[in-house]
N, C-alpha and C. Protein backbone atom coordinates (compact mmCIF):
# COMPACT_ATOMS: atom_id res chain seq x y z
N MET A 1 14.72 16.89 -21.83
CA MET A 1 13.38 16.68 -21.31
C MET A 1 13.30 15.26 -20.75
N ALA A 2 13.00 15.13 -19.48
CA ALA A 2 12.97 13.83 -18.83
C ALA A 2 11.86 12.95 -19.37
N ALA A 3 10.68 13.52 -19.58
CA ALA A 3 9.55 12.74 -20.07
C ALA A 3 8.95 13.44 -21.28
N LYS A 4 8.39 12.66 -22.18
CA LYS A 4 7.65 13.27 -23.29
C LYS A 4 6.37 13.84 -22.74
N ARG A 5 6.01 15.03 -23.20
CA ARG A 5 4.80 15.69 -22.73
C ARG A 5 4.03 16.23 -23.92
N ILE A 6 2.70 16.19 -23.82
CA ILE A 6 1.85 16.80 -24.82
C ILE A 6 0.73 17.54 -24.11
N VAL A 7 0.36 18.70 -24.65
CA VAL A 7 -0.74 19.47 -24.10
C VAL A 7 -2.00 19.12 -24.89
N ILE A 8 -3.06 18.84 -24.15
CA ILE A 8 -4.36 18.59 -24.77
C ILE A 8 -5.30 19.72 -24.34
N GLY A 9 -5.83 20.44 -25.31
CA GLY A 9 -6.81 21.47 -25.04
C GLY A 9 -8.16 21.03 -25.54
N ILE A 10 -9.19 21.29 -24.75
CA ILE A 10 -10.56 21.01 -25.18
C ILE A 10 -11.31 22.33 -25.13
N SER A 11 -11.79 22.78 -26.28
CA SER A 11 -12.53 24.05 -26.32
C SER A 11 -14.01 23.79 -26.59
N GLY A 12 -14.80 24.85 -26.74
CA GLY A 12 -16.25 24.75 -26.64
C GLY A 12 -17.03 24.24 -27.83
N ALA A 13 -16.40 23.81 -28.88
CA ALA A 13 -17.15 23.27 -30.03
C ALA A 13 -17.75 21.92 -29.66
N THR A 14 -18.78 21.53 -30.40
CA THR A 14 -19.31 20.18 -30.21
C THR A 14 -18.23 19.17 -30.62
N GLY A 15 -18.19 18.04 -29.94
CA GLY A 15 -17.15 17.06 -30.23
C GLY A 15 -16.22 16.85 -29.05
N PHE A 16 -16.76 17.01 -27.84
CA PHE A 16 -15.99 16.79 -26.61
C PHE A 16 -15.34 15.41 -26.62
N ALA A 17 -15.98 14.47 -27.30
CA ALA A 17 -15.47 13.09 -27.35
C ALA A 17 -14.09 12.99 -27.99
N TYR A 18 -13.73 13.95 -28.85
CA TYR A 18 -12.39 13.92 -29.46
C TYR A 18 -11.31 14.13 -28.40
N GLY A 19 -11.55 15.04 -27.47
CA GLY A 19 -10.59 15.26 -26.40
C GLY A 19 -10.49 14.06 -25.47
N ILE A 20 -11.64 13.47 -25.16
CA ILE A 20 -11.64 12.27 -24.32
C ILE A 20 -10.85 11.16 -24.99
N LYS A 21 -11.11 10.96 -26.28
CA LYS A 21 -10.44 9.88 -27.02
C LYS A 21 -8.93 10.10 -27.07
N ALA A 22 -8.49 11.35 -27.23
CA ALA A 22 -7.05 11.63 -27.25
C ALA A 22 -6.41 11.19 -25.93
N LEU A 23 -7.05 11.52 -24.83
CA LEU A 23 -6.51 11.13 -23.52
C LEU A 23 -6.54 9.62 -23.34
N GLU A 24 -7.59 8.97 -23.80
CA GLU A 24 -7.67 7.50 -23.71
C GLU A 24 -6.56 6.83 -24.51
N LEU A 25 -6.31 7.31 -25.72
CA LEU A 25 -5.28 6.71 -26.56
C LEU A 25 -3.88 6.95 -26.00
N LEU A 26 -3.69 8.11 -25.36
CA LEU A 26 -2.36 8.45 -24.83
C LEU A 26 -2.09 7.81 -23.47
N LYS A 27 -3.13 7.43 -22.74
CA LYS A 27 -2.98 6.93 -21.37
C LYS A 27 -1.98 5.79 -21.24
N PRO A 28 -2.04 4.75 -22.09
CA PRO A 28 -1.09 3.64 -21.92
C PRO A 28 0.32 3.93 -22.42
N MET A 29 0.52 5.09 -23.02
CA MET A 29 1.84 5.42 -23.59
C MET A 29 2.70 6.14 -22.57
N ASP A 30 3.98 6.17 -22.86
CA ASP A 30 4.93 6.84 -21.97
C ASP A 30 5.01 8.33 -22.34
N ILE A 31 3.85 8.99 -22.29
CA ILE A 31 3.74 10.41 -22.64
C ILE A 31 2.87 11.09 -21.60
N GLN A 32 3.40 12.12 -20.95
CA GLN A 32 2.61 12.89 -19.98
C GLN A 32 1.59 13.74 -20.71
N THR A 33 0.35 13.73 -20.22
CA THR A 33 -0.68 14.57 -20.80
C THR A 33 -1.01 15.73 -19.86
N HIS A 34 -1.03 16.93 -20.43
CA HIS A 34 -1.32 18.16 -19.68
C HIS A 34 -2.59 18.75 -20.27
N LEU A 35 -3.66 18.73 -19.49
CA LEU A 35 -5.00 19.04 -19.98
C LEU A 35 -5.48 20.41 -19.51
N VAL A 36 -6.08 21.15 -20.45
CA VAL A 36 -6.76 22.41 -20.11
C VAL A 36 -8.08 22.44 -20.87
N ILE A 37 -9.15 22.75 -20.15
CA ILE A 37 -10.51 22.75 -20.71
C ILE A 37 -11.09 24.15 -20.58
N SER A 38 -11.62 24.68 -21.67
CA SER A 38 -12.21 26.02 -21.62
C SER A 38 -13.55 25.99 -20.89
N LYS A 39 -14.02 27.17 -20.48
CA LYS A 39 -15.31 27.27 -19.80
C LYS A 39 -16.44 26.81 -20.71
N ALA A 40 -16.39 27.21 -21.97
CA ALA A 40 -17.43 26.79 -22.93
C ALA A 40 -17.39 25.29 -23.15
N ALA A 41 -16.20 24.69 -23.12
CA ALA A 41 -16.08 23.24 -23.31
C ALA A 41 -16.75 22.49 -22.16
N LYS A 42 -16.65 23.02 -20.96
CA LYS A 42 -17.31 22.37 -19.82
C LYS A 42 -18.82 22.37 -20.00
N ILE A 43 -19.36 23.45 -20.55
CA ILE A 43 -20.80 23.52 -20.82
C ILE A 43 -21.18 22.50 -21.89
N THR A 44 -20.40 22.47 -22.97
CA THR A 44 -20.66 21.51 -24.06
C THR A 44 -20.55 20.08 -23.53
N GLY A 45 -19.54 19.84 -22.71
CA GLY A 45 -19.32 18.51 -22.14
C GLY A 45 -20.51 18.01 -21.36
N HIS A 46 -21.17 18.91 -20.63
CA HIS A 46 -22.36 18.52 -19.84
C HIS A 46 -23.52 18.14 -20.75
N TYR A 47 -23.60 18.74 -21.93
CA TYR A 47 -24.65 18.38 -22.89
C TYR A 47 -24.36 17.03 -23.54
N GLU A 48 -23.08 16.77 -23.80
CA GLU A 48 -22.71 15.59 -24.59
C GLU A 48 -22.36 14.35 -23.78
N HIS A 49 -22.06 14.53 -22.48
CA HIS A 49 -21.60 13.41 -21.65
C HIS A 49 -22.20 13.47 -20.26
N SER A 50 -22.15 12.36 -19.57
CA SER A 50 -22.65 12.31 -18.20
C SER A 50 -21.62 12.92 -17.25
N LYS A 51 -22.07 13.25 -16.05
CA LYS A 51 -21.18 13.83 -15.04
C LYS A 51 -20.05 12.87 -14.69
N SER A 52 -20.34 11.57 -14.64
CA SER A 52 -19.31 10.58 -14.30
C SER A 52 -18.24 10.51 -15.38
N GLN A 53 -18.66 10.65 -16.66
CA GLN A 53 -17.68 10.65 -17.75
C GLN A 53 -16.76 11.86 -17.67
N LEU A 54 -17.32 13.01 -17.27
CA LEU A 54 -16.51 14.22 -17.15
C LEU A 54 -15.51 14.09 -16.00
N THR A 55 -15.92 13.43 -14.94
CA THR A 55 -15.01 13.19 -13.81
C THR A 55 -13.89 12.25 -14.24
N GLN A 56 -14.25 11.21 -14.99
CA GLN A 56 -13.25 10.25 -15.49
C GLN A 56 -12.26 10.92 -16.43
N LEU A 57 -12.73 11.90 -17.18
CA LEU A 57 -11.88 12.61 -18.13
C LEU A 57 -10.65 13.19 -17.43
N GLN A 58 -10.87 13.88 -16.32
CA GLN A 58 -9.75 14.51 -15.62
C GLN A 58 -8.80 13.47 -15.04
N ALA A 59 -9.33 12.29 -14.72
CA ALA A 59 -8.48 11.21 -14.20
C ALA A 59 -7.59 10.63 -15.30
N LEU A 60 -7.99 10.80 -16.57
CA LEU A 60 -7.17 10.29 -17.68
C LEU A 60 -5.90 11.11 -17.89
N ALA A 61 -5.95 12.38 -17.51
CA ALA A 61 -4.80 13.27 -17.73
C ALA A 61 -3.82 13.18 -16.57
N ASP A 62 -2.54 13.38 -16.87
CA ASP A 62 -1.52 13.40 -15.81
C ASP A 62 -1.59 14.69 -15.00
N VAL A 63 -1.83 15.80 -15.70
CA VAL A 63 -1.92 17.10 -15.04
C VAL A 63 -3.11 17.86 -15.63
N VAL A 64 -3.92 18.47 -14.77
CA VAL A 64 -5.08 19.24 -15.22
C VAL A 64 -4.92 20.67 -14.71
N TYR A 65 -5.10 21.64 -15.60
CA TYR A 65 -4.94 23.05 -15.26
C TYR A 65 -6.28 23.79 -15.35
N ALA A 66 -6.46 24.76 -14.50
CA ALA A 66 -7.62 25.64 -14.58
C ALA A 66 -7.41 26.59 -15.76
N ILE A 67 -8.50 26.91 -16.45
CA ILE A 67 -8.42 27.75 -17.65
C ILE A 67 -7.86 29.14 -17.38
N ASP A 68 -8.03 29.64 -16.16
CA ASP A 68 -7.56 31.00 -15.84
C ASP A 68 -6.18 31.01 -15.16
N ASN A 69 -5.52 29.86 -15.12
CA ASN A 69 -4.21 29.77 -14.46
C ASN A 69 -3.10 30.13 -15.46
N ILE A 70 -2.97 31.40 -15.72
CA ILE A 70 -1.99 31.88 -16.71
C ILE A 70 -0.55 31.62 -16.27
N GLY A 71 -0.34 31.37 -14.99
CA GLY A 71 1.01 31.08 -14.49
C GLY A 71 1.37 29.61 -14.53
N ALA A 72 0.55 28.78 -15.17
CA ALA A 72 0.80 27.34 -15.24
C ALA A 72 2.03 27.04 -16.09
N ALA A 73 2.57 25.85 -15.90
CA ALA A 73 3.78 25.43 -16.62
C ALA A 73 3.62 25.54 -18.13
N ILE A 74 2.46 25.14 -18.65
CA ILE A 74 2.27 25.12 -20.11
C ILE A 74 2.16 26.52 -20.71
N ALA A 75 2.16 27.55 -19.86
CA ALA A 75 2.13 28.94 -20.35
C ALA A 75 3.54 29.46 -20.61
N SER A 76 4.55 28.63 -20.37
CA SER A 76 5.94 29.05 -20.55
C SER A 76 6.64 28.23 -21.61
N GLY A 77 7.40 28.89 -22.45
CA GLY A 77 8.17 28.21 -23.47
C GLY A 77 9.29 27.36 -22.92
N SER A 78 9.73 27.64 -21.70
CA SER A 78 10.81 26.86 -21.10
C SER A 78 10.33 25.48 -20.64
N PHE A 79 9.00 25.29 -20.57
CA PHE A 79 8.42 23.99 -20.24
C PHE A 79 8.29 23.22 -21.54
N LYS A 80 9.18 22.26 -21.75
CA LYS A 80 9.25 21.58 -23.04
C LYS A 80 8.13 20.56 -23.23
N THR A 81 7.51 20.62 -24.39
CA THR A 81 6.48 19.66 -24.77
C THR A 81 6.67 19.27 -26.23
N MET A 82 5.96 18.21 -26.63
CA MET A 82 5.94 17.80 -28.04
C MET A 82 5.09 18.76 -28.85
N GLY A 83 4.21 19.47 -28.14
CA GLY A 83 3.30 20.38 -28.80
C GLY A 83 1.93 20.29 -28.17
N MET A 84 0.91 20.68 -28.94
CA MET A 84 -0.44 20.77 -28.39
C MET A 84 -1.48 20.34 -29.42
N LEU A 85 -2.44 19.56 -28.94
CA LEU A 85 -3.60 19.16 -29.72
C LEU A 85 -4.83 19.81 -29.10
N VAL A 86 -5.58 20.56 -29.89
CA VAL A 86 -6.83 21.14 -29.42
C VAL A 86 -7.95 20.34 -30.07
N ALA A 87 -8.68 19.57 -29.24
CA ALA A 87 -9.67 18.62 -29.74
C ALA A 87 -10.91 18.61 -28.86
N PRO A 88 -12.00 19.22 -29.32
CA PRO A 88 -12.16 19.95 -30.56
C PRO A 88 -11.68 21.39 -30.41
N CYS A 89 -11.59 22.08 -31.53
CA CYS A 89 -11.21 23.49 -31.53
C CYS A 89 -12.37 24.32 -32.07
N SER A 90 -12.92 25.18 -31.22
CA SER A 90 -14.02 26.04 -31.63
C SER A 90 -13.51 27.17 -32.52
N MET A 91 -14.41 27.81 -33.23
CA MET A 91 -14.04 28.96 -34.05
C MET A 91 -13.58 30.13 -33.19
N ARG A 92 -14.10 30.24 -31.98
CA ARG A 92 -13.67 31.29 -31.06
C ARG A 92 -12.21 31.07 -30.65
N THR A 93 -11.87 29.82 -30.32
CA THR A 93 -10.49 29.50 -29.95
C THR A 93 -9.57 29.66 -31.14
N LEU A 94 -10.00 29.21 -32.31
CA LEU A 94 -9.22 29.41 -33.54
C LEU A 94 -8.92 30.88 -33.75
N ALA A 95 -9.95 31.74 -33.60
CA ALA A 95 -9.77 33.17 -33.82
C ALA A 95 -8.77 33.76 -32.83
N ALA A 96 -8.85 33.34 -31.57
CA ALA A 96 -7.92 33.85 -30.56
C ALA A 96 -6.49 33.44 -30.89
N ILE A 97 -6.30 32.18 -31.28
CA ILE A 97 -4.95 31.69 -31.62
C ILE A 97 -4.43 32.41 -32.87
N ALA A 98 -5.29 32.56 -33.88
CA ALA A 98 -4.89 33.20 -35.13
C ALA A 98 -4.45 34.65 -34.92
N ASN A 99 -5.03 35.29 -33.90
CA ASN A 99 -4.71 36.69 -33.64
C ASN A 99 -3.85 36.90 -32.40
N SER A 100 -3.23 35.81 -31.92
CA SER A 100 -2.30 35.86 -30.77
C SER A 100 -2.93 36.47 -29.53
N LEU A 101 -4.21 36.17 -29.30
CA LEU A 101 -4.90 36.67 -28.12
C LEU A 101 -4.82 35.62 -27.02
N SER A 102 -3.85 35.77 -26.16
CA SER A 102 -3.64 34.81 -25.07
C SER A 102 -4.51 35.19 -23.88
N ASP A 103 -5.83 35.06 -24.06
CA ASP A 103 -6.75 35.54 -23.03
C ASP A 103 -7.16 34.48 -22.02
N ASN A 104 -6.69 33.26 -22.20
CA ASN A 104 -6.86 32.21 -21.19
C ASN A 104 -5.72 31.21 -21.35
N LEU A 105 -5.67 30.22 -20.48
CA LEU A 105 -4.53 29.31 -20.52
C LEU A 105 -4.49 28.47 -21.80
N LEU A 106 -5.65 28.10 -22.33
CA LEU A 106 -5.66 27.30 -23.54
C LEU A 106 -5.05 28.07 -24.71
N THR A 107 -5.49 29.30 -24.91
CA THR A 107 -4.96 30.08 -26.03
C THR A 107 -3.52 30.51 -25.78
N ARG A 108 -3.16 30.73 -24.52
CA ARG A 108 -1.77 31.07 -24.19
C ARG A 108 -0.85 29.87 -24.49
N ALA A 109 -1.29 28.68 -24.09
CA ALA A 109 -0.48 27.48 -24.34
C ALA A 109 -0.29 27.26 -25.84
N ALA A 110 -1.34 27.50 -26.62
CA ALA A 110 -1.23 27.36 -28.07
C ALA A 110 -0.26 28.38 -28.65
N ASP A 111 -0.33 29.61 -28.13
CA ASP A 111 0.58 30.66 -28.58
C ASP A 111 2.03 30.31 -28.27
N VAL A 112 2.25 29.73 -27.09
CA VAL A 112 3.60 29.29 -26.70
C VAL A 112 4.11 28.22 -27.65
N VAL A 113 3.27 27.27 -27.98
CA VAL A 113 3.65 26.19 -28.90
C VAL A 113 4.07 26.78 -30.25
N LEU A 114 3.32 27.75 -30.74
CA LEU A 114 3.68 28.38 -32.02
C LEU A 114 4.98 29.15 -31.93
N LYS A 115 5.14 29.94 -30.87
CA LYS A 115 6.35 30.77 -30.78
C LYS A 115 7.61 29.93 -30.59
N GLU A 116 7.44 28.75 -29.97
CA GLU A 116 8.58 27.86 -29.76
C GLU A 116 8.81 26.91 -30.94
N ARG A 117 7.99 27.10 -31.99
CA ARG A 117 8.08 26.28 -33.22
C ARG A 117 7.85 24.80 -32.94
N ARG A 118 6.87 24.54 -32.06
CA ARG A 118 6.46 23.17 -31.79
C ARG A 118 5.19 22.87 -32.59
N ARG A 119 4.74 21.65 -32.54
CA ARG A 119 3.59 21.22 -33.33
C ARG A 119 2.28 21.63 -32.65
N LEU A 120 1.42 22.33 -33.40
CA LEU A 120 0.08 22.69 -32.94
C LEU A 120 -0.92 22.13 -33.94
N VAL A 121 -1.83 21.28 -33.45
CA VAL A 121 -2.85 20.67 -34.30
C VAL A 121 -4.22 21.06 -33.76
N LEU A 122 -5.03 21.67 -34.62
CA LEU A 122 -6.36 22.13 -34.22
C LEU A 122 -7.43 21.31 -34.94
N MET A 123 -8.19 20.54 -34.17
CA MET A 123 -9.29 19.77 -34.73
C MET A 123 -10.52 20.68 -34.77
N THR A 124 -10.57 21.52 -35.79
CA THR A 124 -11.61 22.54 -35.90
C THR A 124 -12.96 21.91 -36.20
N ARG A 125 -13.99 22.44 -35.53
CA ARG A 125 -15.35 21.91 -35.65
C ARG A 125 -16.32 23.03 -35.94
N GLU A 126 -16.71 23.17 -37.18
CA GLU A 126 -17.75 24.12 -37.58
C GLU A 126 -18.09 23.87 -39.03
N ALA A 127 -19.34 24.10 -39.39
CA ALA A 127 -19.75 24.01 -40.80
C ALA A 127 -21.12 24.66 -40.92
N PRO A 128 -21.34 25.37 -42.00
CA PRO A 128 -20.37 25.78 -43.01
C PRO A 128 -19.45 26.86 -42.48
N LEU A 129 -18.41 27.14 -43.24
CA LEU A 129 -17.42 28.14 -42.85
C LEU A 129 -17.65 29.44 -43.60
N HIS A 130 -17.47 30.57 -42.90
CA HIS A 130 -17.48 31.85 -43.62
C HIS A 130 -16.03 32.30 -43.81
N LEU A 131 -15.84 33.39 -44.52
CA LEU A 131 -14.50 33.82 -44.90
C LEU A 131 -13.63 34.13 -43.69
N GLY A 132 -14.23 34.65 -42.61
CA GLY A 132 -13.46 34.92 -41.40
C GLY A 132 -12.84 33.66 -40.82
N HIS A 133 -13.61 32.57 -40.80
CA HIS A 133 -13.08 31.28 -40.32
C HIS A 133 -11.90 30.83 -41.19
N ILE A 134 -12.10 30.93 -42.50
CA ILE A 134 -11.07 30.47 -43.44
C ILE A 134 -9.80 31.31 -43.32
N LYS A 135 -9.96 32.62 -43.14
CA LYS A 135 -8.78 33.49 -42.97
C LYS A 135 -8.06 33.18 -41.67
N ASN A 136 -8.80 32.85 -40.62
CA ASN A 136 -8.15 32.47 -39.36
C ASN A 136 -7.39 31.16 -39.52
N MET A 137 -7.96 30.23 -40.27
CA MET A 137 -7.25 28.97 -40.56
C MET A 137 -5.98 29.23 -41.35
N GLU A 138 -6.07 30.14 -42.31
CA GLU A 138 -4.89 30.51 -43.09
C GLU A 138 -3.82 31.12 -42.19
N ALA A 139 -4.24 32.02 -41.29
CA ALA A 139 -3.27 32.69 -40.40
C ALA A 139 -2.54 31.67 -39.53
N VAL A 140 -3.29 30.72 -38.95
CA VAL A 140 -2.66 29.70 -38.10
C VAL A 140 -1.72 28.83 -38.93
N THR A 141 -2.13 28.48 -40.14
CA THR A 141 -1.28 27.67 -41.02
C THR A 141 0.01 28.40 -41.36
N LEU A 142 -0.08 29.69 -41.65
CA LEU A 142 1.12 30.48 -41.96
C LEU A 142 2.06 30.59 -40.75
N MET A 143 1.51 30.49 -39.55
CA MET A 143 2.33 30.51 -38.33
C MET A 143 2.92 29.15 -37.99
N GLY A 144 2.54 28.12 -38.75
CA GLY A 144 3.12 26.79 -38.53
C GLY A 144 2.17 25.79 -37.92
N GLY A 145 0.94 26.21 -37.60
CA GLY A 145 -0.03 25.28 -37.05
C GLY A 145 -0.65 24.42 -38.14
N ILE A 146 -1.35 23.38 -37.71
CA ILE A 146 -2.01 22.46 -38.65
C ILE A 146 -3.50 22.46 -38.34
N ILE A 147 -4.30 22.73 -39.36
CA ILE A 147 -5.75 22.66 -39.24
C ILE A 147 -6.16 21.24 -39.61
N PHE A 148 -6.81 20.56 -38.69
CA PHE A 148 -7.14 19.15 -38.88
C PHE A 148 -8.61 18.90 -38.52
N PRO A 149 -9.54 19.24 -39.42
CA PRO A 149 -10.94 18.92 -39.15
C PRO A 149 -11.12 17.40 -39.06
N PRO A 150 -11.88 16.92 -38.09
CA PRO A 150 -12.07 15.47 -37.97
C PRO A 150 -13.00 14.94 -39.06
N VAL A 151 -12.42 14.56 -40.17
CA VAL A 151 -13.18 14.06 -41.32
C VAL A 151 -13.13 12.53 -41.31
N PRO A 152 -14.29 11.86 -41.30
CA PRO A 152 -14.26 10.40 -41.20
C PRO A 152 -13.68 9.72 -42.44
N ALA A 153 -12.90 8.67 -42.20
CA ALA A 153 -12.34 7.87 -43.29
C ALA A 153 -13.26 6.68 -43.51
N LEU A 154 -14.19 6.81 -44.43
CA LEU A 154 -15.22 5.80 -44.60
C LEU A 154 -14.71 4.52 -45.26
N TYR A 155 -13.52 4.56 -45.85
CA TYR A 155 -12.96 3.36 -46.46
C TYR A 155 -12.63 2.28 -45.44
N GLN A 156 -12.66 2.65 -44.17
CA GLN A 156 -12.32 1.69 -43.11
C GLN A 156 -13.45 0.74 -42.75
N HIS A 157 -14.60 0.87 -43.38
CA HIS A 157 -15.76 0.05 -43.04
C HIS A 157 -16.10 0.23 -41.57
N ILE A 158 -16.40 1.45 -41.22
CA ILE A 158 -16.68 1.87 -39.85
C ILE A 158 -17.89 1.12 -39.30
N ASP A 159 -17.76 0.63 -38.06
CA ASP A 159 -18.87 -0.08 -37.41
C ASP A 159 -19.58 0.77 -36.36
N SER A 160 -18.93 1.84 -35.89
CA SER A 160 -19.54 2.64 -34.82
C SER A 160 -19.03 4.08 -34.86
N VAL A 161 -19.72 4.94 -34.15
CA VAL A 161 -19.27 6.33 -34.02
C VAL A 161 -17.91 6.37 -33.33
N ASP A 162 -17.70 5.48 -32.37
CA ASP A 162 -16.42 5.43 -31.67
C ASP A 162 -15.28 5.12 -32.64
N ASP A 163 -15.52 4.28 -33.64
CA ASP A 163 -14.51 3.98 -34.65
C ASP A 163 -14.12 5.25 -35.41
N ILE A 164 -15.12 6.06 -35.75
CA ILE A 164 -14.87 7.30 -36.48
C ILE A 164 -14.02 8.25 -35.63
N ILE A 165 -14.41 8.40 -34.37
CA ILE A 165 -13.68 9.29 -33.46
C ILE A 165 -12.26 8.80 -33.24
N THR A 166 -12.12 7.50 -33.01
CA THR A 166 -10.79 6.92 -32.77
C THR A 166 -9.87 7.15 -33.96
N HIS A 167 -10.37 6.91 -35.17
CA HIS A 167 -9.53 7.09 -36.35
C HIS A 167 -9.10 8.54 -36.51
N SER A 168 -10.03 9.47 -36.34
CA SER A 168 -9.69 10.89 -36.50
C SER A 168 -8.63 11.32 -35.49
N VAL A 169 -8.81 10.93 -34.24
CA VAL A 169 -7.85 11.33 -33.20
C VAL A 169 -6.51 10.65 -33.39
N ALA A 170 -6.54 9.39 -33.76
CA ALA A 170 -5.27 8.67 -34.01
C ALA A 170 -4.49 9.33 -35.14
N ARG A 171 -5.20 9.77 -36.18
CA ARG A 171 -4.53 10.46 -37.29
C ARG A 171 -3.96 11.81 -36.83
N ALA A 172 -4.68 12.50 -35.96
CA ALA A 172 -4.16 13.77 -35.43
C ALA A 172 -2.91 13.53 -34.59
N LEU A 173 -2.92 12.49 -33.77
CA LEU A 173 -1.75 12.16 -32.94
C LEU A 173 -0.57 11.72 -33.81
N ASP A 174 -0.86 11.14 -34.96
CA ASP A 174 0.17 10.75 -35.92
C ASP A 174 1.03 11.95 -36.31
N LEU A 175 0.43 13.13 -36.32
CA LEU A 175 1.16 14.34 -36.70
C LEU A 175 2.22 14.74 -35.67
N PHE A 176 2.17 14.13 -34.49
CA PHE A 176 3.20 14.34 -33.46
C PHE A 176 4.19 13.18 -33.44
N ASP A 177 4.13 12.32 -34.45
CA ASP A 177 4.94 11.09 -34.51
C ASP A 177 4.62 10.16 -33.35
N ILE A 178 3.36 10.18 -32.92
CA ILE A 178 2.89 9.25 -31.90
C ILE A 178 2.21 8.10 -32.63
N ASP A 179 2.77 6.91 -32.48
CA ASP A 179 2.25 5.74 -33.18
C ASP A 179 1.14 5.10 -32.36
N VAL A 180 -0.09 5.24 -32.83
CA VAL A 180 -1.23 4.63 -32.16
C VAL A 180 -1.46 3.26 -32.78
N PRO A 181 -1.28 2.17 -32.00
CA PRO A 181 -1.34 0.82 -32.57
C PRO A 181 -2.64 0.48 -33.29
N CYS A 182 -3.76 1.06 -32.87
CA CYS A 182 -5.05 0.69 -33.47
C CYS A 182 -5.31 1.40 -34.80
N LEU A 183 -4.38 2.24 -35.26
CA LEU A 183 -4.62 3.01 -36.48
C LEU A 183 -4.27 2.19 -37.72
N PRO A 184 -5.29 1.82 -38.52
CA PRO A 184 -4.99 1.11 -39.77
C PRO A 184 -4.30 2.05 -40.76
N ARG A 185 -3.36 1.53 -41.50
CA ARG A 185 -2.62 2.36 -42.44
C ARG A 185 -2.82 1.85 -43.86
N TRP A 186 -3.14 2.77 -44.73
CA TRP A 186 -3.38 2.43 -46.14
C TRP A 186 -2.13 1.80 -46.75
N GLY A 187 -2.29 0.65 -47.38
CA GLY A 187 -1.15 -0.01 -48.00
C GLY A 187 -0.37 -0.90 -47.06
N GLU A 188 -0.66 -0.79 -45.75
CA GLU A 188 0.01 -1.66 -44.78
C GLU A 188 -1.01 -2.62 -44.16
N ASP A 189 -1.92 -2.03 -43.36
CA ASP A 189 -2.92 -2.85 -42.68
C ASP A 189 -4.20 -2.98 -43.50
N MET A 190 -4.39 -2.08 -44.45
CA MET A 190 -5.62 -2.10 -45.24
C MET A 190 -5.43 -3.07 -46.42
N HIS A 191 -6.12 -4.19 -46.37
CA HIS A 191 -6.02 -5.18 -47.45
C HIS A 191 -7.14 -4.91 -48.43
N LEU A 192 -6.79 -4.29 -49.51
CA LEU A 192 -7.80 -3.90 -50.50
C LEU A 192 -7.78 -4.88 -51.66
N ASN A 193 -8.95 -5.22 -52.09
CA ASN A 193 -9.06 -6.08 -53.27
C ASN A 193 -8.91 -5.22 -54.52
N GLN A 194 -7.79 -5.37 -55.16
CA GLN A 194 -7.56 -4.59 -56.38
C GLN A 194 -7.55 -5.53 -57.57
N LYS A 195 -8.35 -5.21 -58.52
CA LYS A 195 -8.40 -6.04 -59.73
C LYS A 195 -7.36 -5.55 -60.72
N SER A 196 -6.62 -6.47 -61.24
CA SER A 196 -5.64 -6.07 -62.27
C SER A 196 -6.36 -5.99 -63.60
N GLU A 197 -5.96 -5.02 -64.39
CA GLU A 197 -6.62 -4.81 -65.68
C GLU A 197 -6.03 -5.75 -66.72
């Protein structure tokens, strides 16, 4: 593989900012980003962000694919990637992936990542969960995927919502062995005052 590549999927759950942050963190790195956005995600994006931010989003990615372009490179296992991050991942997208329903390019790309035994990380966004959601998470986990709800790490003394989003996405990218310099690490960068007994 000439260049490192990662697929970024953005689906229709609230939390469009997670996908934007992933692209922002990856932009200065020597990693090609291949972006696919679901139709529902575009609707959510318009609620959560301005039109100019959505335009800038596509400029952050190296390659952008239409959701219905099933013949795209990322739909083939012969197109080598590090894997795929779906940020955020809706329950609808989770269900499609869990049941191998490749009904659009995002779910097809995720299915390819699983069948090729590459890393798939789903930043699932929903609460509360019913049993169907949990069973779909189990199914994806059994297939080798990783369920990664964006849970804030409050020990970091967070100053802003952006700090919360950045930490969650950086931790998700960590699962691909992508070292994000701004990610504080417990026991390394985190200087904790510990009292000896």
